[in-house]
Amino acid sequence: MVWAVAGLGGCAFVSKPKANLPARPTATWVLKHGVWIPVVQPGNTSPAGQVATMIKELHGNQPYRVIHQSKKFLKHHKTDPLVPQVLLLQGDAYNMVGRKYRALFPYEDLLDNFPNSPLYGPCLEREYNIACAFLAGYKRNLLGMRIIPVTGDAIRLLRRIQDRQRGSPLAELAGIHVADYYYKQGEFGTALNSYRNFVRRYPYSQFVVKADIREAQCMLGTFKGVRFDLTPLRNAEAKLDSIILHHPRLAEKYQAKALEERIYQVEGKKELLVARFYLRFGDPGSAKFYFHRVINGWPDTIWAVRAKQELANHFGAGAG
């Protein structure tokens, strides 16, 4: 027996009653415009009638009445097969009045205790949207003021979504959203690990190219300076070359060539510093070699201009 009920955003189905729940005759429902509507009229004192009333009240913009009625229902009908639907309605009502953090309590109840319910997926989608709102700046109430940041809760929600619905499109969205958040916050080390983890978990995702490009951007963001090893940047450059070759449109969208240019400039500066190092420590031959390396390898950069000037200053205008 499947219980079909009208969710806030469209058609939703409540799973079969668990073995420990008493079975009872199902109410009748009809499908209209993609939404299941109960034949039992709102106001009927049966559990199905009470749920129908809550649905009507939520659609009628009366969320506080839904919150009140859902609490009564859950108190008096703890084992009713319609409990998952009531939990979803209660969460939706809290969400409607702006109490997004409070909405998570009934949503989590549904997810923890009714994992086989067809409402499981829609509930996860609601938690994803709440997590996105948290990262966008939503804050919890304290003494009537929204002043408590909830970014940590948002990250935990998004990671939990990935574990609860592995391999799903929603899990992919949650994973890339976590990485993008750290990237936008300038936390490039954490973002780099998040993008790498994303590619490992979702190697065929539509966001893989974006994650690869962002990896390179994070490498540049965490780069300690031209006095340090350039190997990570050269690895990033090789990755970008492959992306530009095989995914030119996506590479353009994420400005892969602009990133390549930045890496190219860093490499030119590094070579010029090497030339200056050899000059300072009394090895003019090696210094001259690296000055020419900059001039020939990065001819269209400011580093080539400076290399020519310094080469002329130290070795004469006709140095070759």
C-alpha atoms as a PDB file:
ATOM      1  CA  MET A   1       0.000   0.000   0.000  1.00  0.00           C
ATOM      2  CA  VAL A   2       1.428   3.406  -0.933  1.00  0.00           C
ATOM      3  CA  TRP A   3       0.210   6.606   0.635  1.00  0.00           C
ATOM      4  CA  ALA A   4       0.134   9.476  -1.843  1.00  0.00           C
ATOM      5  CA  VAL A   5      -0.049  13.011  -0.547  1.00  0.00           C
ATOM      6  CA  ALA A   6       0.257  16.522  -1.860  1.00  0.00           C
ATOM      7  CA  GLY A   7       3.615  18.092  -1.097  1.00  0.00           C
ATOM      8  CA  LEU A   8       4.270  21.825  -1.136  1.00  0.00           C
ATOM      9  CA  GLY A   9       6.147  21.730  -4.392  1.00  0.00           C
ATOM     10  CA  GLY A  10       4.370  18.977  -6.285  1.00  0.00           C
ATOM     11  CA  CYS A  11       3.668  15.277  -6.302  1.00  0.00           C
ATOM     12  CA  ALA A  12       5.070  13.349  -3.362  1.00  0.00           C
ATOM     13  CA  PHE A  13       4.585   9.821  -2.070  1.00  0.00           C
ATOM     14  CA  VAL A  14       4.925   8.470   1.410  1.00  0.00           C
ATOM     15  CA  SER A  15       6.501   5.049   1.671  1.00  0.00           C
ATOM     16  CA  LYS A  16       4.752   1.931   2.827  1.00  0.00           C
ATOM     17  CA  PRO A  17       4.182   1.763   6.566  1.00  0.00           C
ATOM     18  CA  LYS A  18       7.005   0.125   8.473  1.00  0.00           C
ATOM     19  CA  ALA A  19       6.419  -3.338   9.836  1.00  0.00           C
ATOM     20  CA  ASN A  20       5.865  -2.007  13.326  1.00  0.00           C
ATOM     21  CA  LEU A  21       3.241   0.506  12.182  1.00  0.00           C
ATOM     22  CA  PRO A  22      -0.404  -0.575  12.184  1.00  0.00           C
ATOM     23  CA  ALA A  23      -1.906  -0.790   8.718  1.00  0.00           C
ATOM     24  CA  ARG A  24      -5.192   0.960   8.078  1.00  0.00           C
ATOM     25  CA  PRO A  25      -7.384   1.601   5.022  1.00  0.00           C
ATOM     26  CA  THR A  26      -5.883   4.112   2.635  1.00  0.00           C
ATOM     27  CA  ALA A  27      -7.539   7.408   1.779  1.00  0.00           C
ATOM     28  CA  THR A  28      -8.403   8.110  -1.837  1.00  0.00           C
ATOM     29  CA  TRP A  29      -6.306  10.583  -3.815  1.00  0.00           C
ATOM     30  CA  VAL A  30      -6.584  11.946  -7.340  1.00  0.00           C
ATOM     31  CA  LEU A  31      -3.858  13.390  -9.536  1.00  0.00           C
ATOM     32  CA  LYS A  32      -4.529  16.945 -10.773  1.00  0.00           C
ATOM     33  CA  HIS A  33      -1.957  18.996 -12.668  1.00  0.00           C
ATOM     34  CA  GLY A  34       0.906  16.901 -11.357  1.00  0.00           C
ATOM     35  CA  VAL A  35      -0.178  17.074  -7.703  1.00  0.00           C
ATOM     36  CA  TRP A  36      -1.969  14.424  -5.658  1.00  0.00           C
ATOM     37  CA  ILE A  37      -5.077  15.893  -4.028  1.00  0.00           C
ATOM     38  CA  PRO A  38      -6.846  14.042  -1.180  1.00  0.00           C
ATOM     39  CA  VAL A  39     -10.461  13.178  -1.762  1.00  0.00           C
ATOM     40  CA  VAL A  40     -10.864  13.368   1.996  1.00  0.00           C
ATOM     41  CA  GLN A  41     -11.901  16.958   2.564  1.00  0.00           C
ATOM     42  CA  PRO A  42      -9.955  19.321   4.814  1.00  0.00           C
ATOM     43  CA  GLY A  43     -11.506  19.493   8.251  1.00  0.00           C
ATOM     44  CA  ASN A  44     -12.200  15.754   8.441  1.00  0.00           C
ATOM     45  CA  THR A  45     -11.011  14.571  11.845  1.00  0.00           C
ATOM     46  CA  SER A  46      -9.296  11.479  10.455  1.00  0.00           C
ATOM     47  CA  PRO A  47      -5.471  11.612  10.143  1.00  0.00           C
ATOM     48  CA  ALA A  48      -5.791  11.933   6.356  1.00  0.00           C
ATOM     49  CA  GLY A  49      -8.285  14.778   6.801  1.00  0.00           C
ATOM     50  CA  GLN A  50      -5.933  16.568   9.168  1.00  0.00           C
ATOM     51  CA  VAL A  51      -3.092  16.292   6.684  1.00  0.00           C
ATOM     52  CA  ALA A  52      -5.377  17.589   3.937  1.00  0.00           C
ATOM     53  CA  THR A  53      -6.162  20.580   6.149  1.00  0.00           C
ATOM     54  CA  MET A  54      -2.466  21.289   6.720  1.00  0.00           C
ATOM     55  CA  ILE A  55      -1.792  21.134   2.992  1.00  0.00           C
ATOM     56  CA  LYS A  56      -4.616  23.594   2.346  1.00  0.00           C
ATOM     57  CA  GLU A  57      -3.403  25.930   5.082  1.00  0.00           C
ATOM     58  CA  LEU A  58       0.167  25.891   3.802  1.00  0.00           C
ATOM     59  CA  HIS A  59      -0.980  26.714   0.289  1.00  0.00           C
ATOM     60  CA  GLY A  60      -3.186  29.393   1.830  1.00  0.00           C
ATOM     61  CA  ASN A  61      -0.172  31.059   3.434  1.00  0.00           C
ATOM     62  CA  GLN A  62      -1.063  30.059   6.974  1.00  0.00           C
ATOM     63  CA  PRO A  63       2.227  28.465   8.073  1.00  0.00           C
ATOM     64  CA  TYR A  64       1.754  29.107  11.792  1.00  0.00           C
ATOM     65  CA  ARG A  65      -1.463  27.089  11.771  1.00  0.00           C
ATOM     66  CA  VAL A  66       0.426  24.269  10.031  1.00  0.00           C
ATOM     67  CA  ILE A  67       3.137  24.364  12.687  1.00  0.00           C
ATOM     68  CA  HIS A  68       0.516  24.148  15.436  1.00  0.00           C
ATOM     69  CA  GLN A  69      -1.501  21.381  13.756  1.00  0.00           C
ATOM     70  CA  SER A  70       1.564  19.335  12.828  1.00  0.00           C
ATOM     71  CA  LYS A  71       2.796  19.329  16.432  1.00  0.00           C
ATOM     72  CA  LYS A  72      -0.597  18.046  17.596  1.00  0.00           C
ATOM     73  CA  PHE A  73      -0.639  15.406  14.863  1.00  0.00           C
ATOM     74  CA  LEU A  74       2.839  14.123  15.701  1.00  0.00           C
ATOM     75  CA  LYS A  75       1.940  13.962  19.391  1.00  0.00           C
ATOM     76  CA  HIS A  76      -1.239  11.937  18.894  1.00  0.00           C
ATOM     77  CA  HIS A  77      -0.380   9.888  15.777  1.00  0.00           C
ATOM     78  CA  LYS A  78       3.240   8.861  16.320  1.00  0.00           C
ATOM     79  CA  THR A  79       2.908   5.622  14.367  1.00  0.00           C
ATOM     80  CA  ASP A  80       0.678   6.847  11.549  1.00  0.00           C
ATOM     81  CA  PRO A  81       1.988   6.188   8.009  1.00  0.00           C
ATOM     82  CA  LEU A  82       1.428   9.872   7.209  1.00  0.00           C
ATOM     83  CA  VAL A  83       4.059  10.992   9.739  1.00  0.00           C
ATOM     84  CA  PRO A  84       6.733  11.612   7.040  1.00  0.00           C
ATOM     85  CA  GLN A  85       4.350  13.921   5.165  1.00  0.00           C
ATOM     86  CA  VAL A  86       3.549  15.841   8.349  1.00  0.00           C
ATOM     87  CA  LEU A  87       7.245  16.256   9.133  1.00  0.00           C
ATOM     88  CA  LEU A  88       7.799  17.648   5.646  1.00  0.00           C
ATOM     89  CA  LEU A  89       4.852  20.023   6.024  1.00  0.00           C
ATOM     90  CA  GLN A  90       6.104  21.218   9.388  1.00  0.00           C
ATOM     91  CA  GLY A  91       9.574  21.898   7.993  1.00  0.00           C
ATOM     92  CA  ASP A  92       8.063  23.721   5.014  1.00  0.00           C
ATOM     93  CA  ALA A  93       5.979  25.865   7.363  1.00  0.00           C
ATOM     94  CA  TYR A  94       9.013  26.881   9.423  1.00  0.00           C
ATOM     95  CA  ASN A  95      10.879  27.579   6.206  1.00  0.00           C
ATOM     96  CA  MET A  96       8.025  29.756   4.953  1.00  0.00           C
ATOM     97  CA  VAL A  97       8.188  32.021   8.023  1.00  0.00           C
ATOM     98  CA  GLY A  98      11.949  32.404   7.700  1.00  0.00           C
ATOM     99  CA  ARG A  99      12.946  29.996  10.464  1.00  0.00           C
ATOM    100  CA  LYS A 100      15.220  27.943   8.244  1.00  0.00           C
ATOM    101  CA  TYR A 101      17.363  26.585  11.054  1.00  0.00           C
ATOM    102  CA  ARG A 102      14.281  25.377  12.937  1.00  0.00           C
ATOM    103  CA  ALA A 103      12.979  23.747   9.751  1.00  0.00           C
ATOM    104  CA  LEU A 104      15.947  21.386   9.813  1.00  0.00           C
ATOM    105  CA  PHE A 105      14.628  19.564  12.898  1.00  0.00           C
ATOM    106  CA  PRO A 106      11.561  17.954  11.252  1.00  0.00           C
ATOM    107  CA  TYR A 107      13.514  17.470   8.012  1.00  0.00           C
ATOM    108  CA  GLU A 108      16.251  15.605   9.887  1.00  0.00           C
ATOM    109  CA  ASP A 109      13.606  13.546  11.698  1.00  0.00           C
ATOM    110  CA  LEU A 110      12.222  12.459   8.344  1.00  0.00           C
ATOM    111  CA  LEU A 111      15.653  11.660   6.890  1.00  0.00           C
ATOM    112  CA  ASP A 112      16.858   9.744   9.946  1.00  0.00           C
ATOM    113  CA  ASN A 113      13.719   7.710  10.639  1.00  0.00           C
ATOM    114  CA  PHE A 114      12.136   7.227   7.201  1.00  0.00           C
ATOM    115  CA  PRO A 115      15.070   6.577   4.822  1.00  0.00           C
ATOM    116  CA  ASN A 116      12.925   4.489   2.471  1.00  0.00           C
ATOM    117  CA  SER A 117      10.249   7.120   2.025  1.00  0.00           C
ATOM    118  CA  PRO A 118       9.885   8.667  -1.441  1.00  0.00           C
ATOM    119  CA  LEU A 119       9.832  11.972   0.445  1.00  0.00           C
ATOM    120  CA  TYR A 120      13.498  11.384   1.280  1.00  0.00           C
ATOM    121  CA  GLY A 121      14.749  12.998  -1.955  1.00  0.00           C
ATOM    122  CA  PRO A 122      12.507  16.088  -1.783  1.00  0.00           C
ATOM    123  CA  CYS A 123      13.532  16.567   1.844  1.00  0.00           C
ATOM    124  CA  LEU A 124      17.217  16.475   0.909  1.00  0.00           C
ATOM    125  CA  GLU A 125      16.546  19.095  -1.758  1.00  0.00           C
ATOM    126  CA  ARG A 126      15.017  21.349   0.874  1.00  0.00           C
ATOM    127  CA  GLU A 127      18.072  20.906   3.104  1.00  0.00           C
ATOM    128  CA  TYR A 128      20.335  21.716   0.154  1.00  0.00           C
ATOM    129  CA  ASN A 129      18.467  24.973  -0.438  1.00  0.00           C
ATOM    130  CA  ILE A 130      18.718  25.844   3.249  1.00  0.00           C
ATOM    131  CA  ALA A 131      22.461  25.149   3.238  1.00  0.00           C
ATOM    132  CA  CYS A 132      22.863  27.457   0.221  1.00  0.00           C
ATOM    133  CA  ALA A 133      20.936  30.165   2.083  1.00  0.00           C
ATOM    134  CA  PHE A 134      23.206  29.707   5.101  1.00  0.00           C
ATOM    135  CA  LEU A 135      26.315  30.178   2.956  1.00  0.00           C
ATOM    136  CA  ALA A 136      24.739  33.226   1.308  1.00  0.00           C
ATOM    137  CA  GLY A 137      24.595  35.004   4.658  1.00  0.00           C
ATOM    138  CA  TYR A 138      21.504  33.757   6.515  1.00  0.00           C
ATOM    139  CA  LYS A 139      21.983  33.929  10.299  1.00  0.00           C
ATOM    140  CA  ARG A 140      20.236  32.339  13.279  1.00  0.00           C
ATOM    141  CA  ASN A 141      18.159  34.323  15.719  1.00  0.00           C
ATOM    142  CA  LEU A 142      19.461  35.405  19.092  1.00  0.00           C
ATOM    143  CA  LEU A 143      17.207  37.576  21.245  1.00  0.00           C
ATOM    144  CA  GLY A 144      15.134  38.399  18.194  1.00  0.00           C
ATOM    145  CA  MET A 145      18.131  39.376  16.053  1.00  0.00           C
ATOM    146  CA  ARG A 146      19.702  37.375  13.231  1.00  0.00           C
ATOM    147  CA  ILE A 147      23.319  37.530  14.347  1.00  0.00           C
ATOM    148  CA  ILE A 148      24.641  33.947  14.625  1.00  0.00           C
ATOM    149  CA  PRO A 149      26.520  32.746  11.504  1.00  0.00           C
ATOM    150  CA  VAL A 150      25.682  29.207  10.379  1.00  0.00           C
ATOM    151  CA  THR A 151      28.311  28.558   7.709  1.00  0.00           C
ATOM    152  CA  GLY A 152      29.685  25.575   9.632  1.00  0.00           C
ATOM    153  CA  ASP A 153      26.220  24.018   9.743  1.00  0.00           C
ATOM    154  CA  ALA A 154      25.868  24.641   6.012  1.00  0.00           C
ATOM    155  CA  ILE A 155      29.084  22.802   5.188  1.00  0.00           C
ATOM    156  CA  ARG A 156      28.049  19.877   7.385  1.00  0.00           C
ATOM    157  CA  LEU A 157      24.645  19.753   5.680  1.00  0.00           C
ATOM    158  CA  LEU A 158      26.183  19.718   2.211  1.00  0.00           C
ATOM    159  CA  ARG A 159      28.641  16.981   3.145  1.00  0.00           C
ATOM    160  CA  ARG A 160      25.859  14.950   4.739  1.00  0.00           C
ATOM    161  CA  ILE A 161      23.819  15.236   1.536  1.00  0.00           C
ATOM    162  CA  GLN A 162      26.739  13.702  -0.361  1.00  0.00           C
ATOM    163  CA  ASP A 163      26.829  10.778   2.062  1.00  0.00           C
ATOM    164  CA  ARG A 164      23.070  10.294   2.162  1.00  0.00           C
ATOM    165  CA  GLN A 165      22.513  10.215  -1.593  1.00  0.00           C
ATOM    166  CA  ARG A 166      25.830   9.147  -3.066  1.00  0.00           C
ATOM    167  CA  GLY A 167      26.304   9.627  -6.786  1.00  0.00           C
ATOM    168  CA  SER A 168      23.122  11.639  -7.277  1.00  0.00           C
ATOM    169  CA  PRO A 169      22.945  14.976  -9.121  1.00  0.00           C
ATOM    170  CA  LEU A 170      22.091  16.620  -5.796  1.00  0.00           C
ATOM    171  CA  ALA A 171      25.217  15.132  -4.207  1.00  0.00           C
ATOM    172  CA  GLU A 172      27.301  16.592  -7.049  1.00  0.00           C
ATOM    173  CA  LEU A 173      25.747  20.017  -6.511  1.00  0.00           C
ATOM    174  CA  ALA A 174      26.467  19.788  -2.794  1.00  0.00           C
ATOM    175  CA  GLY A 175      30.090  18.796  -3.412  1.00  0.00           C
ATOM    176  CA  ILE A 176      30.864  21.559  -5.887  1.00  0.00           C
ATOM    177  CA  HIS A 177      29.066  24.100  -3.709  1.00  0.00           C
ATOM    178  CA  VAL A 178      31.360  23.308  -0.769  1.00  0.00           C
ATOM    179  CA  ALA A 179      34.471  23.736  -2.897  1.00  0.00           C
ATOM    180  CA  ASP A 180      33.156  26.935  -4.497  1.00  0.00           C
ATOM    181  CA  TYR A 181      32.410  28.416  -1.083  1.00  0.00           C
ATOM    182  CA  TYR A 182      35.984  27.957   0.119  1.00  0.00           C
ATOM    183  CA  TYR A 183      37.291  29.319  -3.183  1.00  0.00           C
ATOM    184  CA  LYS A 184      35.148  32.470  -2.961  1.00  0.00           C
ATOM    185  CA  GLN A 185      36.286  32.975   0.635  1.00  0.00           C
ATOM    186  CA  GLY A 186      39.916  32.914  -0.485  1.00  0.00           C
ATOM    187  CA  GLU A 187      40.640  29.729   1.495  1.00  0.00           C
ATOM    188  CA  PHE A 188      42.599  28.294  -1.430  1.00  0.00           C
ATOM    189  CA  GLY A 189      44.246  25.406   0.424  1.00  0.00           C
ATOM    190  CA  THR A 190      40.921  24.031   1.648  1.00  0.00           C
ATOM    191  CA  ALA A 191      39.299  24.755  -1.710  1.00  0.00           C
ATOM    192  CA  LEU A 192      42.072  22.884  -3.527  1.00  0.00           C
ATOM    193  CA  ASN A 193      41.501  19.775  -1.408  1.00  0.00           C
ATOM    194  CA  SER A 194      37.728  20.103  -1.890  1.00  0.00           C
ATOM    195  CA  TYR A 195      38.013  20.297  -5.683  1.00  0.00           C
ATOM    196  CA  ARG A 196      40.372  17.326  -5.771  1.00  0.00           C
ATOM    197  CA  ASN A 197      38.010  15.339  -3.581  1.00  0.00           C
ATOM    198  CA  PHE A 198      35.125  16.307  -5.860  1.00  0.00           C
ATOM    199  CA  VAL A 199      36.920  15.003  -8.967  1.00  0.00           C
ATOM    200  CA  ARG A 200      37.718  11.728  -7.184  1.00  0.00           C
ATOM    201  CA  ARG A 201      34.107  11.245  -6.085  1.00  0.00           C
ATOM    202  CA  TYR A 202      32.436  12.381  -9.316  1.00  0.00           C
ATOM    203  CA  PRO A 203      34.865  11.700 -12.191  1.00  0.00           C
ATOM    204  CA  TYR A 204      32.088  11.943 -14.791  1.00  0.00           C
ATOM    205  CA  SER A 205      30.360  15.028 -13.430  1.00  0.00           C
ATOM    206  CA  GLN A 206      29.538  18.007 -15.621  1.00  0.00           C
ATOM    207  CA  PHE A 207      31.545  20.079 -13.124  1.00  0.00           C
ATOM    208  CA  VAL A 208      34.845  18.185 -13.525  1.00  0.00           C
ATOM    209  CA  VAL A 209      36.309  20.693 -15.987  1.00  0.00           C
ATOM    210  CA  LYS A 210      35.338  23.558 -13.700  1.00  0.00           C
ATOM    211  CA  ALA A 211      36.927  21.729 -10.761  1.00  0.00           C
ATOM    212  CA  ASP A 212      40.142  21.147 -12.745  1.00  0.00           C
ATOM    213  CA  ILE A 213      40.412  24.811 -13.673  1.00  0.00           C
ATOM    214  CA  ARG A 214      39.670  25.880 -10.120  1.00  0.00           C
ATOM    215  CA  GLU A 215      42.395  23.491  -8.935  1.00  0.00           C
ATOM    216  CA  ALA A 216      44.873  25.424 -11.046  1.00  0.00           C
ATOM    217  CA  GLN A 217      43.513  28.726  -9.716  1.00  0.00           C
ATOM    218  CA  CYS A 218      43.891  27.455  -6.153  1.00  0.00           C
ATOM    219  CA  MET A 219      47.464  26.382  -6.865  1.00  0.00           C
ATOM    220  CA  LEU A 220      48.214  29.911  -7.983  1.00  0.00           C
ATOM    221  CA  GLY A 221      46.383  31.276  -4.962  1.00  0.00           C
ATOM    222  CA  THR A 222      48.448  29.172  -2.540  1.00  0.00           C
ATOM    223  CA  PHE A 223      51.727  29.780  -4.372  1.00  0.00           C
ATOM    224  CA  LYS A 224      54.234  31.197  -1.898  1.00  0.00           C
ATOM    225  CA  GLY A 225      56.203  33.225  -4.417  1.00  0.00           C
ATOM    226  CA  VAL A 226      58.714  32.912  -7.192  1.00  0.00           C
ATOM    227  CA  ARG A 227      61.484  32.032  -4.759  1.00  0.00           C
ATOM    228  CA  PHE A 228      59.794  28.681  -4.163  1.00  0.00           C
ATOM    229  CA  ASP A 229      59.316  25.548  -6.256  1.00  0.00           C
ATOM    230  CA  LEU A 230      57.302  26.118  -9.434  1.00  0.00           C
ATOM    231  CA  THR A 231      56.390  22.455  -9.911  1.00  0.00           C
ATOM    232  CA  PRO A 232      52.745  22.874  -8.742  1.00  0.00           C
ATOM    233  CA  LEU A 233      52.260  25.730 -11.207  1.00  0.00           C
ATOM    234  CA  ARG A 234      53.765  23.754 -14.067  1.00  0.00           C
ATOM    235  CA  ASN A 235      51.453  20.860 -13.233  1.00  0.00           C
ATOM    236  CA  ALA A 236      48.543  23.290 -13.267  1.00  0.00           C
ATOM    237  CA  GLU A 237      49.677  24.675 -16.614  1.00  0.00           C
ATOM    238  CA  ALA A 238      49.795  21.173 -18.118  1.00  0.00           C
ATOM    239  CA  LYS A 239      46.263  20.536 -16.872  1.00  0.00           C
ATOM    240  CA  LEU A 240      45.055  23.798 -18.371  1.00  0.00           C
ATOM    241  CA  ASP A 241      46.645  22.981 -21.732  1.00  0.00           C
ATOM    242  CA  SER A 242      44.688  19.720 -21.819  1.00  0.00           C
ATOM    243  CA  ILE A 243      41.428  21.453 -20.874  1.00  0.00           C
ATOM    244  CA  ILE A 244      41.869  24.165 -23.510  1.00  0.00           C
ATOM    245  CA  LEU A 245      42.537  21.474 -26.123  1.00  0.00           C
ATOM    246  CA  HIS A 246      39.660  19.148 -25.266  1.00  0.00           C
ATOM    247  CA  HIS A 247      37.066  21.518 -23.787  1.00  0.00           C
ATOM    248  CA  PRO A 248      37.596  24.888 -25.477  1.00  0.00           C
ATOM    249  CA  ARG A 249      34.142  26.291 -24.676  1.00  0.00           C
ATOM    250  CA  LEU A 250      34.302  25.423 -20.992  1.00  0.00           C
ATOM    251  CA  ALA A 251      37.886  26.645 -20.855  1.00  0.00           C
ATOM    252  CA  GLU A 252      36.728  29.992 -22.211  1.00  0.00           C
ATOM    253  CA  LYS A 253      33.841  30.125 -19.739  1.00  0.00           C
ATOM    254  CA  TYR A 254      36.177  29.645 -16.788  1.00  0.00           C
ATOM    255  CA  GLN A 255      38.927  31.861 -18.245  1.00  0.00           C
ATOM    256  CA  ALA A 256      41.535  29.120 -18.448  1.00  0.00           C
ATOM    257  CA  LYS A 257      43.728  31.116 -20.846  1.00  0.00           C
ATOM    258  CA  ALA A 258      43.812  34.072 -18.477  1.00  0.00           C
ATOM    259  CA  LEU A 259      44.996  31.741 -15.747  1.00  0.00           C
ATOM    260  CA  GLU A 260      47.632  30.294 -18.046  1.00  0.00           C
ATOM    261  CA  GLU A 261      48.868  33.823 -18.731  1.00  0.00           C
ATOM    262  CA  ARG A 262      49.245  34.501 -15.007  1.00  0.00           C
ATOM    263  CA  ILE A 263      51.259  31.302 -14.551  1.00  0.00           C
ATOM    264  CA  TYR A 264      53.349  32.217 -17.600  1.00  0.00           C
ATOM    265  CA  GLN A 265      54.183  35.576 -16.045  1.00  0.00           C
ATOM    266  CA  VAL A 266      55.156  33.977 -12.740  1.00  0.00           C
ATOM    267  CA  GLU A 267      57.499  31.573 -14.500  1.00  0.00           C
ATOM    268  CA  GLY A 268      59.201  34.440 -16.354  1.00  0.00           C
ATOM    269  CA  LYS A 269      59.749  36.332 -13.130  1.00  0.00           C
ATOM    270  CA  LYS A 270      61.183  33.204 -11.505  1.00  0.00           C
ATOM    271  CA  GLU A 271      63.784  32.805 -14.260  1.00  0.00           C
ATOM    272  CA  LEU A 272      64.826  36.451 -13.932  1.00  0.00           C
ATOM    273  CA  LEU A 273      65.371  35.978 -10.199  1.00  0.00           C
ATOM    274  CA  VAL A 274      67.544  32.947 -10.946  1.00  0.00           C
ATOM    275  CA  ALA A 275      69.687  35.092 -13.261  1.00  0.00           C
ATOM    276  CA  ARG A 276      70.080  37.718 -10.537  1.00  0.00           C
ATOM    277  CA  PHE A 277      70.982  35.006  -8.015  1.00  0.00           C
ATOM    278  CA  TYR A 278      73.904  33.737 -10.118  1.00  0.00           C
ATOM    279  CA  LEU A 279      75.063  37.275 -10.769  1.00  0.00           C
ATOM    280  CA  ARG A 280      75.014  38.111  -7.062  1.00  0.00           C
ATOM    281  CA  PHE A 281      77.010  35.001  -6.144  1.00  0.00           C
ATOM    282  CA  GLY A 282      79.727  35.542  -8.727  1.00  0.00           C
ATOM    283  CA  ASP A 283      78.713  33.207 -11.566  1.00  0.00           C
ATOM    284  CA  PRO A 284      78.344  35.570 -14.553  1.00  0.00           C
ATOM    285  CA  GLY A 285      78.206  32.740 -17.074  1.00  0.00           C
ATOM    286  CA  SER A 286      75.131  31.184 -15.501  1.00  0.00           C
ATOM    287  CA  ALA A 287      73.596  34.622 -14.963  1.00  0.00           C
ATOM    288  CA  LYS A 288      74.037  35.453 -18.625  1.00  0.00           C
ATOM    289  CA  PHE A 289      72.458  32.114 -19.596  1.00  0.00           C
ATOM    290  CA  TYR A 290      69.333  32.835 -17.540  1.00  0.00           C
ATOM    291  CA  PHE A 291      69.036  36.425 -18.754  1.00  0.00           C
ATOM    292  CA  HIS A 292      68.908  35.078 -22.304  1.00  0.00           C
ATOM    293  CA  ARG A 293      66.512  32.352 -21.197  1.00  0.00           C
ATOM    294  CA  VAL A 294      64.067  35.008 -19.989  1.00  0.00           C
ATOM    295  CA  ILE A 295      64.492  37.084 -23.156  1.00  0.00           C
ATOM    296  CA  ASN A 296      63.870  34.100 -25.449  1.00  0.00           C
ATOM    297  CA  GLY A 297      61.355  32.201 -23.362  1.00  0.00           C
ATOM    298  CA  TRP A 298      59.160  35.100 -22.236  1.00  0.00           C
ATOM    299  CA  PRO A 299      59.739  37.660 -25.002  1.00  0.00           C
ATOM    300  CA  ASP A 300      56.428  39.503 -24.605  1.00  0.00           C
ATOM    301  CA  THR A 301      56.666  40.150 -20.865  1.00  0.00           C
ATOM    302  CA  ILE A 302      58.033  42.886 -18.664  1.00  0.00           C
ATOM    303  CA  TRP A 303      60.558  40.351 -17.375  1.00  0.00           C
ATOM    304  CA  ALA A 304      62.129  40.099 -20.837  1.00  0.00           C
ATOM    305  CA  VAL A 305      62.424  43.892 -20.968  1.00  0.00           C
ATOM    306  CA  ARG A 306      64.133  43.941 -17.575  1.00  0.00           C
ATOM    307  CA  ALA A 307      66.374  41.022 -18.505  1.00  0.00           C
ATOM    308  CA  LYS A 308      67.619  42.950 -21.575  1.00  0.00           C
ATOM    309  CA  GLN A 309      68.291  46.043 -19.476  1.00  0.00           C
ATOM    310  CA  GLU A 310      70.176  44.141 -16.789  1.00  0.00           C
ATOM    311  CA  LEU A 311      72.106  42.108 -19.344  1.00  0.00           C
ATOM    312  CA  ALA A 312      73.262  45.338 -21.017  1.00  0.00           C
ATOM    313  CA  ASN A 313      74.092  46.952 -17.680  1.00  0.00           C
ATOM    314  CA  HIS A 314      76.236  44.066 -16.468  1.00  0.00           C
ATOM    315  CA  PHE A 315      77.710  42.711 -19.698  1.00  0.00           C
ATOM    316  CA  GLY A 316      77.587  45.639 -22.106  1.00  0.00           C
ATOM    317  CA  ALA A 317      75.143  46.704 -24.799  1.00  0.00           C
ATOM    318  CA  GLY A 318      76.342  44.081 -27.257  1.00  0.00           C
ATOM    319  CA  ALA A 319      76.219  41.160 -24.873  1.00  0.00           C
ATOM    320  CA  GLY A 320      75.050  38.065 -26.678  1.00  0.00           C
END
